[in-house]
Amino acid sequence: MRIFSYLILIILATPFSKSSTSDYMVICTNEFTVQGKTSLGSFVCSYEMPASDTLFFNNKKRNAKIIHTLPVRNFGCGNFILNGDFRKTLNAKEYPEIKIELSNFRITDNRYTCDLMLNLVGKPKQFRDLELQFYNNSMCGELVLNFSDFDLEPPKKLGGMVKVKEEIALNIKMVSSN
């Protein structure tokens, strides 16, 4: 009777164990960075947050949207002057949060993609088929943006002697626990 019980248990558990690690990814940390260049060098502003999300690839039924609300004031740029410039540029008093929505995760021929909705300074922008790279238990994507995409002016300092370039990069890194 015991053997019969074990067989039934194995048969019932089999459909749930067929999923391979390439079908899903359990996320434990998300990292967001904004990178740009100035007439003097470059800058990086970053924000990291714990997560407990599961990404399902090529499965619309199980793949809900993953929505992140990032407080602008919590981005660190290396020093208080850059932090203040970052907040001022993104008008943090009026728009204290950046919203990032990730959805429709797909794998096609070892190419990972997803759709991204970015709401920055109250202006939502949709980006389809954002290419993602998988390495070291992390899924990473980079989105190259212009300040003008969101009707923003690149910051200037010292009467225009120090200028931030128009193009910036938003990097998203989702760190897996599996």
N, C-alpha and C. Protein backbone atom coordinates (compact mmCIF):
# COMPACT_ATOMS: atom_id res chain seq x y z
N MET A 1 0.82 -1.20 0.00
CA MET A 1 0.00 0.00 0.00
C MET A 1 0.87 1.27 0.00
N ARG A 2 1.99 1.22 0.74
CA ARG A 2 2.89 2.37 0.77
C ARG A 2 3.44 2.68 -0.60
N ILE A 3 3.85 1.66 -1.32
CA ILE A 3 4.41 1.87 -2.66
C ILE A 3 3.37 2.52 -3.56
N PHE A 4 2.15 2.06 -3.47
CA PHE A 4 1.07 2.63 -4.26
C PHE A 4 0.87 4.11 -3.92
N SER A 5 0.95 4.46 -2.63
CA SER A 5 0.82 5.87 -2.20
C SER A 5 1.94 6.72 -2.75
N TYR A 6 3.17 6.19 -2.72
CA TYR A 6 4.32 6.93 -3.26
C TYR A 6 4.18 7.15 -4.76
N LEU A 7 3.69 6.14 -5.47
CA LEU A 7 3.50 6.28 -6.92
C LEU A 7 2.49 7.37 -7.23
N ILE A 8 1.41 7.41 -6.50
CA ILE A 8 0.39 8.44 -6.71
C ILE A 8 0.97 9.82 -6.42
N LEU A 9 1.74 9.94 -5.34
CA LEU A 9 2.37 11.21 -5.00
C LEU A 9 3.32 11.66 -6.10
N ILE A 10 4.12 10.77 -6.63
CA ILE A 10 5.06 11.11 -7.70
C ILE A 10 4.31 11.52 -8.97
N ILE A 11 3.27 10.80 -9.30
CA ILE A 11 2.49 11.12 -10.51
C ILE A 11 1.83 12.49 -10.36
N LEU A 12 1.28 12.80 -9.19
CA LEU A 12 0.63 14.08 -8.98
C LEU A 12 1.62 15.24 -8.96
N ALA A 13 2.82 15.02 -8.47
CA ALA A 13 3.82 16.08 -8.36
C ALA A 13 4.54 16.34 -9.68
N THR A 14 4.54 15.42 -10.58
CA THR A 14 5.29 15.55 -11.84
C THR A 14 4.92 16.77 -12.65
N PRO A 15 3.65 17.13 -12.88
CA PRO A 15 3.36 18.32 -13.69
C PRO A 15 3.91 19.61 -13.09
N PHE A 16 4.03 19.66 -11.77
CA PHE A 16 4.50 20.87 -11.13
C PHE A 16 6.02 20.97 -11.12
N SER A 17 6.71 19.91 -11.37
CA SER A 17 8.17 19.95 -11.31
C SER A 17 8.81 20.04 -12.69
N LYS A 18 8.01 20.10 -13.75
CA LYS A 18 8.58 20.14 -15.09
C LYS A 18 9.14 21.50 -15.46
N SER A 19 8.74 22.52 -14.76
CA SER A 19 9.22 23.86 -15.10
C SER A 19 10.72 23.95 -14.87
N SER A 20 11.44 24.37 -15.87
CA SER A 20 12.88 24.52 -15.73
C SER A 20 13.19 25.95 -15.33
N THR A 21 14.43 26.19 -14.92
CA THR A 21 14.80 27.53 -14.49
C THR A 21 14.75 28.52 -15.64
N SER A 22 14.73 28.05 -16.88
CA SER A 22 14.65 28.98 -18.00
C SER A 22 13.22 29.47 -18.23
N ASP A 23 12.23 28.87 -17.56
CA ASP A 23 10.84 29.26 -17.72
C ASP A 23 10.44 30.37 -16.75
N TYR A 24 11.18 30.52 -15.68
CA TYR A 24 10.85 31.54 -14.69
C TYR A 24 12.11 32.00 -13.99
N MET A 25 11.98 33.10 -13.26
CA MET A 25 13.10 33.66 -12.52
C MET A 25 12.55 34.32 -11.26
N VAL A 26 13.10 33.97 -10.10
CA VAL A 26 12.69 34.56 -8.84
C VAL A 26 13.62 35.73 -8.53
N ILE A 27 13.05 36.90 -8.37
CA ILE A 27 13.84 38.13 -8.16
C ILE A 27 13.88 38.46 -6.67
N CYS A 28 15.09 38.73 -6.17
CA CYS A 28 15.22 39.11 -4.75
C CYS A 28 15.65 40.56 -4.57
N THR A 29 16.25 41.17 -5.61
CA THR A 29 16.70 42.56 -5.52
C THR A 29 16.55 43.23 -6.88
N ASN A 30 16.16 44.49 -6.86
CA ASN A 30 16.13 45.31 -8.08
C ASN A 30 17.06 46.49 -7.90
N GLU A 31 17.84 46.79 -8.94
CA GLU A 31 18.73 47.94 -8.92
C GLU A 31 18.43 48.80 -10.13
N PHE A 32 18.31 50.09 -9.91
CA PHE A 32 18.03 51.04 -10.97
C PHE A 32 19.13 52.10 -10.96
N THR A 33 19.73 52.36 -12.12
CA THR A 33 20.75 53.41 -12.19
C THR A 33 20.46 54.32 -13.38
N VAL A 34 20.79 55.57 -13.19
CA VAL A 34 20.72 56.56 -14.25
C VAL A 34 22.15 57.03 -14.48
N GLN A 35 22.62 56.90 -15.72
CA GLN A 35 23.99 57.28 -16.05
C GLN A 35 23.97 58.37 -17.10
N GLY A 36 24.86 59.31 -16.94
CA GLY A 36 24.96 60.40 -17.91
C GLY A 36 26.36 60.95 -17.97
N LYS A 37 26.56 61.85 -18.90
CA LYS A 37 27.86 62.48 -19.08
C LYS A 37 27.70 64.00 -19.01
N THR A 38 28.75 64.62 -18.50
CA THR A 38 28.79 66.07 -18.45
C THR A 38 30.01 66.55 -19.23
N SER A 39 30.14 67.84 -19.34
CA SER A 39 31.31 68.39 -20.03
C SER A 39 32.59 68.13 -19.23
N LEU A 40 32.46 67.72 -17.96
CA LEU A 40 33.63 67.43 -17.13
C LEU A 40 33.87 65.93 -16.88
N GLY A 41 32.89 65.12 -17.10
CA GLY A 41 33.03 63.69 -16.81
C GLY A 41 31.69 62.99 -16.88
N SER A 42 31.47 62.05 -15.97
CA SER A 42 30.22 61.32 -15.98
C SER A 42 29.64 61.25 -14.56
N PHE A 43 28.40 60.80 -14.47
CA PHE A 43 27.74 60.65 -13.17
C PHE A 43 26.87 59.40 -13.19
N VAL A 44 26.61 58.88 -12.01
CA VAL A 44 25.73 57.72 -11.84
C VAL A 44 24.87 57.99 -10.61
N CYS A 45 23.57 57.86 -10.78
CA CYS A 45 22.62 57.95 -9.66
C CYS A 45 21.93 56.60 -9.56
N SER A 46 21.86 56.03 -8.36
CA SER A 46 21.34 54.68 -8.24
C SER A 46 20.35 54.53 -7.08
N TYR A 47 19.54 53.50 -7.22
CA TYR A 47 18.55 53.15 -6.20
C TYR A 47 18.42 51.62 -6.21
N GLU A 48 18.47 51.03 -5.02
CA GLU A 48 18.35 49.58 -4.90
C GLU A 48 17.22 49.27 -3.94
N MET A 49 16.46 48.21 -4.27
CA MET A 49 15.35 47.83 -3.41
C MET A 49 15.20 46.32 -3.36
N PRO A 50 14.81 45.80 -2.19
CA PRO A 50 14.54 44.36 -2.12
C PRO A 50 13.28 44.04 -2.92
N ALA A 51 13.20 42.81 -3.39
CA ALA A 51 12.04 42.42 -4.20
C ALA A 51 11.65 40.99 -3.87
N SER A 52 10.46 40.64 -4.21
CA SER A 52 9.99 39.26 -4.11
C SER A 52 9.04 39.01 -5.27
N ASP A 53 9.61 39.09 -6.47
CA ASP A 53 8.83 38.90 -7.69
C ASP A 53 9.26 37.63 -8.39
N THR A 54 8.35 37.05 -9.15
CA THR A 54 8.67 35.91 -10.01
C THR A 54 8.33 36.29 -11.43
N LEU A 55 9.32 36.22 -12.31
CA LEU A 55 9.11 36.50 -13.73
C LEU A 55 8.84 35.18 -14.44
N PHE A 56 7.75 35.11 -15.16
CA PHE A 56 7.45 33.94 -15.98
C PHE A 56 7.65 34.34 -17.43
N PHE A 57 8.44 33.57 -18.15
CA PHE A 57 8.72 33.88 -19.55
C PHE A 57 7.75 33.14 -20.46
N ASN A 58 7.30 33.85 -21.51
CA ASN A 58 6.42 33.29 -22.53
C ASN A 58 5.15 32.70 -21.95
N ASN A 59 4.60 33.32 -20.92
CA ASN A 59 3.40 32.80 -20.27
C ASN A 59 2.52 33.97 -19.87
N LYS A 60 1.64 34.37 -20.75
CA LYS A 60 0.80 35.55 -20.50
C LYS A 60 -0.17 35.35 -19.34
N LYS A 61 -0.60 34.11 -19.09
CA LYS A 61 -1.54 33.87 -18.01
C LYS A 61 -0.92 34.09 -16.65
N ARG A 62 0.34 33.70 -16.47
CA ARG A 62 0.99 33.79 -15.17
C ARG A 62 1.84 35.03 -15.04
N ASN A 63 2.04 35.76 -16.10
CA ASN A 63 3.00 36.87 -16.08
C ASN A 63 2.29 38.20 -15.87
N ALA A 64 2.10 38.53 -14.62
CA ALA A 64 1.49 39.82 -14.31
C ALA A 64 2.51 40.93 -14.51
N LYS A 65 2.04 42.14 -14.50
CA LYS A 65 2.94 43.29 -14.59
C LYS A 65 3.67 43.44 -13.27
N ILE A 66 4.91 43.83 -13.36
CA ILE A 66 5.69 44.14 -12.18
C ILE A 66 5.85 45.65 -12.16
N ILE A 67 5.31 46.27 -11.13
CA ILE A 67 5.29 47.73 -11.05
C ILE A 67 6.19 48.17 -9.90
N HIS A 68 7.10 49.08 -10.21
CA HIS A 68 8.01 49.63 -9.21
C HIS A 68 7.76 51.13 -9.09
N THR A 69 7.63 51.60 -7.88
CA THR A 69 7.51 53.02 -7.60
C THR A 69 8.79 53.43 -6.88
N LEU A 70 9.58 54.27 -7.54
CA LEU A 70 10.89 54.65 -7.04
C LEU A 70 10.85 56.09 -6.52
N PRO A 71 11.12 56.30 -5.26
CA PRO A 71 11.16 57.67 -4.74
C PRO A 71 12.40 58.40 -5.28
N VAL A 72 12.19 59.51 -5.94
CA VAL A 72 13.29 60.28 -6.52
C VAL A 72 14.29 60.67 -5.45
N ARG A 73 13.82 61.03 -4.26
CA ARG A 73 14.72 61.48 -3.19
C ARG A 73 15.64 60.37 -2.68
N ASN A 74 15.33 59.10 -2.98
CA ASN A 74 16.15 57.99 -2.49
C ASN A 74 17.26 57.59 -3.46
N PHE A 75 17.33 58.21 -4.62
CA PHE A 75 18.44 57.95 -5.53
C PHE A 75 19.69 58.61 -4.97
N GLY A 76 20.78 57.87 -4.98
CA GLY A 76 22.05 58.42 -4.53
C GLY A 76 22.97 58.66 -5.71
N CYS A 77 23.54 59.86 -5.76
CA CYS A 77 24.40 60.24 -6.88
C CYS A 77 25.85 60.46 -6.46
N GLY A 78 26.17 60.15 -5.24
CA GLY A 78 27.56 60.26 -4.81
C GLY A 78 27.84 61.40 -3.85
N ASN A 79 27.10 62.50 -3.97
CA ASN A 79 27.28 63.61 -3.02
C ASN A 79 26.00 64.45 -3.00
N PHE A 80 25.90 65.30 -1.99
CA PHE A 80 24.65 66.05 -1.79
C PHE A 80 24.39 67.05 -2.92
N ILE A 81 25.42 67.56 -3.56
CA ILE A 81 25.22 68.52 -4.66
C ILE A 81 24.58 67.81 -5.85
N LEU A 82 25.15 66.65 -6.23
CA LEU A 82 24.57 65.89 -7.35
C LEU A 82 23.19 65.37 -7.00
N ASN A 83 22.99 64.93 -5.75
CA ASN A 83 21.65 64.48 -5.33
C ASN A 83 20.63 65.60 -5.51
N GLY A 84 20.99 66.81 -5.09
CA GLY A 84 20.10 67.96 -5.24
C GLY A 84 19.83 68.30 -6.70
N ASP A 85 20.86 68.26 -7.54
CA ASP A 85 20.68 68.52 -8.97
C ASP A 85 19.76 67.49 -9.61
N PHE A 86 19.93 66.21 -9.22
CA PHE A 86 19.08 65.13 -9.75
C PHE A 86 17.62 65.39 -9.39
N ARG A 87 17.36 65.71 -8.13
CA ARG A 87 15.99 65.97 -7.67
C ARG A 87 15.40 67.20 -8.35
N LYS A 88 16.20 68.23 -8.50
CA LYS A 88 15.72 69.46 -9.13
C LYS A 88 15.40 69.21 -10.62
N THR A 89 16.27 68.49 -11.30
CA THR A 89 16.06 68.21 -12.72
C THR A 89 14.77 67.42 -12.93
N LEU A 90 14.50 66.45 -12.04
CA LEU A 90 13.29 65.63 -12.16
C LEU A 90 12.09 66.24 -11.45
N ASN A 91 12.24 67.49 -10.98
CA ASN A 91 11.14 68.21 -10.33
C ASN A 91 10.50 67.34 -9.24
N ALA A 92 11.36 66.87 -8.31
CA ALA A 92 10.93 65.92 -7.27
C ALA A 92 9.84 66.47 -6.36
N LYS A 93 9.76 67.79 -6.22
CA LYS A 93 8.70 68.33 -5.36
C LYS A 93 7.32 68.09 -5.97
N GLU A 94 7.21 68.25 -7.28
CA GLU A 94 5.93 68.03 -7.96
C GLU A 94 5.74 66.57 -8.36
N TYR A 95 6.82 65.88 -8.72
CA TYR A 95 6.77 64.48 -9.15
C TYR A 95 7.75 63.67 -8.30
N PRO A 96 7.34 63.30 -7.09
CA PRO A 96 8.28 62.66 -6.16
C PRO A 96 8.62 61.21 -6.49
N GLU A 97 7.94 60.62 -7.48
CA GLU A 97 8.17 59.21 -7.78
C GLU A 97 8.38 58.98 -9.28
N ILE A 98 9.17 57.98 -9.55
CA ILE A 98 9.33 57.45 -10.91
C ILE A 98 8.62 56.10 -10.90
N LYS A 99 7.79 55.86 -11.88
CA LYS A 99 7.10 54.57 -11.96
C LYS A 99 7.62 53.79 -13.15
N ILE A 100 7.98 52.55 -12.88
CA ILE A 100 8.47 51.65 -13.93
C ILE A 100 7.61 50.39 -13.88
N GLU A 101 7.04 50.05 -15.02
CA GLU A 101 6.18 48.88 -15.13
C GLU A 101 6.81 47.94 -16.16
N LEU A 102 7.12 46.73 -15.74
CA LEU A 102 7.70 45.71 -16.62
C LEU A 102 6.66 44.64 -16.87
N SER A 103 6.56 44.19 -18.11
CA SER A 103 5.57 43.16 -18.44
C SER A 103 6.00 42.38 -19.67
N ASN A 104 5.26 41.33 -19.95
CA ASN A 104 5.42 40.54 -21.17
C ASN A 104 6.86 40.05 -21.36
N PHE A 105 7.38 39.35 -20.36
CA PHE A 105 8.73 38.80 -20.44
C PHE A 105 8.75 37.63 -21.41
N ARG A 106 9.72 37.65 -22.32
CA ARG A 106 9.78 36.62 -23.37
C ARG A 106 11.21 36.12 -23.57
N ILE A 107 11.30 34.85 -24.00
CA ILE A 107 12.57 34.29 -24.45
C ILE A 107 12.32 33.74 -25.86
N THR A 108 13.12 34.18 -26.81
CA THR A 108 13.06 33.68 -28.17
C THR A 108 14.49 33.44 -28.64
N ASP A 109 14.82 32.20 -28.90
CA ASP A 109 16.17 31.86 -29.37
C ASP A 109 17.25 32.46 -28.47
N ASN A 110 17.13 32.23 -27.16
CA ASN A 110 18.07 32.75 -26.16
C ASN A 110 18.15 34.28 -26.12
N ARG A 111 17.16 34.95 -26.63
CA ARG A 111 17.07 36.42 -26.57
C ARG A 111 15.94 36.76 -25.61
N TYR A 112 16.28 37.47 -24.54
CA TYR A 112 15.31 37.85 -23.53
C TYR A 112 14.82 39.27 -23.82
N THR A 113 13.50 39.47 -23.73
CA THR A 113 12.92 40.80 -23.93
C THR A 113 11.74 41.00 -22.97
N CYS A 114 11.37 42.26 -22.80
CA CYS A 114 10.16 42.60 -22.05
C CYS A 114 9.66 43.96 -22.54
N ASP A 115 8.49 44.33 -22.10
CA ASP A 115 7.94 45.65 -22.39
C ASP A 115 8.10 46.50 -21.13
N LEU A 116 8.35 47.77 -21.33
CA LEU A 116 8.58 48.67 -20.20
C LEU A 116 7.75 49.93 -20.38
N MET A 117 7.08 50.33 -19.32
CA MET A 117 6.37 51.61 -19.27
C MET A 117 7.10 52.46 -18.23
N LEU A 118 7.56 53.62 -18.64
CA LEU A 118 8.28 54.53 -17.75
C LEU A 118 7.45 55.79 -17.59
N ASN A 119 7.13 56.12 -16.34
CA ASN A 119 6.42 57.35 -16.05
C ASN A 119 7.38 58.25 -15.27
N LEU A 120 7.87 59.25 -15.96
CA LEU A 120 8.85 60.17 -15.41
C LEU A 120 8.30 61.58 -15.55
N VAL A 121 8.34 62.36 -14.51
CA VAL A 121 7.78 63.72 -14.43
C VAL A 121 6.36 63.79 -15.00
N GLY A 122 5.56 62.77 -14.67
CA GLY A 122 4.17 62.75 -15.09
C GLY A 122 3.93 62.44 -16.56
N LYS A 123 4.96 62.00 -17.26
CA LYS A 123 4.83 61.68 -18.70
C LYS A 123 5.12 60.20 -18.92
N PRO A 124 4.08 59.41 -19.18
CA PRO A 124 4.30 57.98 -19.42
C PRO A 124 4.81 57.73 -20.84
N LYS A 125 5.79 56.84 -20.95
CA LYS A 125 6.33 56.43 -22.26
C LYS A 125 6.42 54.91 -22.28
N GLN A 126 5.98 54.32 -23.38
CA GLN A 126 5.99 52.87 -23.55
C GLN A 126 7.19 52.48 -24.42
N PHE A 127 7.92 51.45 -23.98
CA PHE A 127 9.04 50.91 -24.74
C PHE A 127 8.82 49.41 -24.90
N ARG A 128 8.65 48.98 -26.12
CA ARG A 128 8.40 47.55 -26.40
C ARG A 128 9.71 46.85 -26.75
N ASP A 129 9.75 45.59 -26.42
CA ASP A 129 10.88 44.72 -26.78
C ASP A 129 12.21 45.23 -26.26
N LEU A 130 12.24 45.65 -25.01
CA LEU A 130 13.50 46.03 -24.38
C LEU A 130 14.35 44.77 -24.24
N GLU A 131 15.53 44.80 -24.82
CA GLU A 131 16.40 43.63 -24.77
C GLU A 131 17.05 43.52 -23.40
N LEU A 132 17.04 42.30 -22.87
CA LEU A 132 17.60 42.01 -21.56
C LEU A 132 18.76 41.04 -21.71
N GLN A 133 19.76 41.21 -20.89
CA GLN A 133 20.92 40.31 -20.87
C GLN A 133 20.88 39.52 -19.57
N PHE A 134 21.13 38.22 -19.67
CA PHE A 134 21.14 37.37 -18.48
C PHE A 134 22.57 36.94 -18.19
N TYR A 135 23.09 37.30 -17.01
CA TYR A 135 24.41 36.83 -16.58
C TYR A 135 24.54 36.98 -15.07
N ASN A 136 25.34 36.10 -14.48
CA ASN A 136 25.59 36.11 -13.03
C ASN A 136 24.30 36.19 -12.21
N ASN A 137 23.34 35.37 -12.54
CA ASN A 137 22.05 35.35 -11.84
C ASN A 137 21.33 36.69 -11.86
N SER A 138 21.57 37.49 -12.88
CA SER A 138 20.92 38.79 -13.01
C SER A 138 20.37 38.97 -14.41
N MET A 139 19.27 39.67 -14.49
CA MET A 139 18.67 40.07 -15.76
C MET A 139 18.82 41.58 -15.84
N CYS A 140 19.50 42.07 -16.89
CA CYS A 140 19.81 43.49 -17.00
C CYS A 140 19.31 44.05 -18.32
N GLY A 141 18.84 45.27 -18.27
CA GLY A 141 18.41 45.97 -19.47
C GLY A 141 18.82 47.43 -19.41
N GLU A 142 19.08 48.00 -20.58
CA GLU A 142 19.45 49.41 -20.64
C GLU A 142 18.54 50.13 -21.62
N LEU A 143 18.06 51.26 -21.19
CA LEU A 143 17.19 52.09 -22.01
C LEU A 143 17.86 53.45 -22.17
N VAL A 144 18.17 53.83 -23.39
CA VAL A 144 18.82 55.12 -23.66
C VAL A 144 17.72 56.14 -23.94
N LEU A 145 17.77 57.23 -23.18
CA LEU A 145 16.75 58.27 -23.25
C LEU A 145 17.39 59.63 -23.48
N ASN A 146 16.58 60.57 -23.88
CA ASN A 146 16.99 61.96 -23.98
C ASN A 146 16.14 62.77 -23.00
N PHE A 147 16.73 63.80 -22.44
CA PHE A 147 15.96 64.69 -21.57
C PHE A 147 14.74 65.22 -22.31
N SER A 148 14.91 65.53 -23.59
CA SER A 148 13.81 66.10 -24.38
C SER A 148 12.64 65.13 -24.55
N ASP A 149 12.86 63.81 -24.39
CA ASP A 149 11.76 62.84 -24.46
C ASP A 149 10.70 63.14 -23.40
N PHE A 150 11.11 63.78 -22.31
CA PHE A 150 10.21 64.08 -21.21
C PHE A 150 10.08 65.59 -20.97
N ASP A 151 10.39 66.36 -21.99
CA ASP A 151 10.32 67.82 -21.93
C ASP A 151 11.14 68.38 -20.77
N LEU A 152 12.31 67.80 -20.56
CA LEU A 152 13.23 68.26 -19.52
C LEU A 152 14.44 68.93 -20.15
N GLU A 153 15.02 69.84 -19.42
CA GLU A 153 16.25 70.52 -19.85
C GLU A 153 17.43 69.88 -19.14
N PRO A 154 18.48 69.52 -19.86
CA PRO A 154 19.68 69.04 -19.17
C PRO A 154 20.23 70.13 -18.26
N PRO A 155 20.61 69.77 -17.05
CA PRO A 155 21.10 70.79 -16.11
C PRO A 155 22.41 71.43 -16.58
N LYS A 156 22.59 72.68 -16.15
CA LYS A 156 23.81 73.44 -16.42
C LYS A 156 24.26 74.07 -15.11
N LYS A 157 25.55 74.21 -14.96
CA LYS A 157 26.12 74.84 -13.76
C LYS A 157 27.19 75.85 -14.18
N LEU A 158 27.51 76.75 -13.29
CA LEU A 158 28.55 77.76 -13.51
C LEU A 158 28.34 78.53 -14.81
N GLY A 159 27.13 79.02 -14.96
CA GLY A 159 26.82 79.83 -16.14
C GLY A 159 26.91 79.07 -17.46
N GLY A 160 26.70 77.76 -17.41
CA GLY A 160 26.73 76.94 -18.63
C GLY A 160 28.08 76.32 -18.92
N MET A 161 29.07 76.57 -18.06
CA MET A 161 30.39 75.98 -18.28
C MET A 161 30.36 74.46 -18.06
N VAL A 162 29.53 74.00 -17.14
CA VAL A 162 29.36 72.57 -16.91
C VAL A 162 27.96 72.20 -17.38
N LYS A 163 27.89 71.34 -18.38
CA LYS A 163 26.61 70.94 -18.96
C LYS A 163 26.47 69.43 -18.93
N VAL A 164 25.25 68.96 -18.69
CA VAL A 164 24.94 67.54 -18.79
C VAL A 164 24.52 67.29 -20.23
N LYS A 165 25.04 66.21 -20.81
CA LYS A 165 24.68 65.85 -22.19
C LYS A 165 23.22 65.45 -22.26
N GLU A 166 22.63 65.59 -23.43
CA GLU A 166 21.21 65.31 -23.66
C GLU A 166 20.86 63.84 -23.40
N GLU A 167 21.76 62.93 -23.71
CA GLU A 167 21.46 61.50 -23.63
C GLU A 167 21.83 60.93 -22.27
N ILE A 168 20.90 60.15 -21.69
CA ILE A 168 21.15 59.46 -20.44
C ILE A 168 20.73 57.99 -20.61
N ALA A 169 21.22 57.14 -19.74
CA ALA A 169 20.88 55.72 -19.79
C ALA A 169 20.22 55.31 -18.48
N LEU A 170 19.11 54.61 -18.59
CA LEU A 170 18.44 54.00 -17.44
C LEU A 170 18.77 52.52 -17.48
N ASN A 171 19.43 52.04 -16.45
CA ASN A 171 19.79 50.63 -16.35
C ASN A 171 18.93 49.97 -15.28
N ILE A 172 18.41 48.80 -15.63
CA ILE A 172 17.59 48.03 -14.71
C ILE A 172 18.27 46.68 -14.51
N LYS A 173 18.45 46.31 -13.26
CA LYS A 173 19.08 45.02 -12.95
C LYS A 173 18.19 44.29 -11.95
N MET A 174 17.76 43.10 -12.34
CA MET A 174 16.94 42.26 -11.47
C MET A 174 17.80 41.06 -11.06
N VAL A 175 18.08 40.96 -9.78
CA VAL A 175 18.96 39.92 -9.26
C VAL A 175 18.13 38.74 -8.81
N SER A 176 18.50 37.56 -9.28
CA SER A 176 17.74 36.34 -9.01
C SER A 176 18.25 35.65 -7.76
N SER A 177 17.34 34.95 -7.10
CA SER A 177 17.72 34.15 -5.95
C SER A 177 17.86 32.67 -6.31
N ASN A 178 17.56 32.31 -7.57
CA ASN A 178 17.69 30.89 -7.96
C ASN A 178 18.87 30.65 -8.85
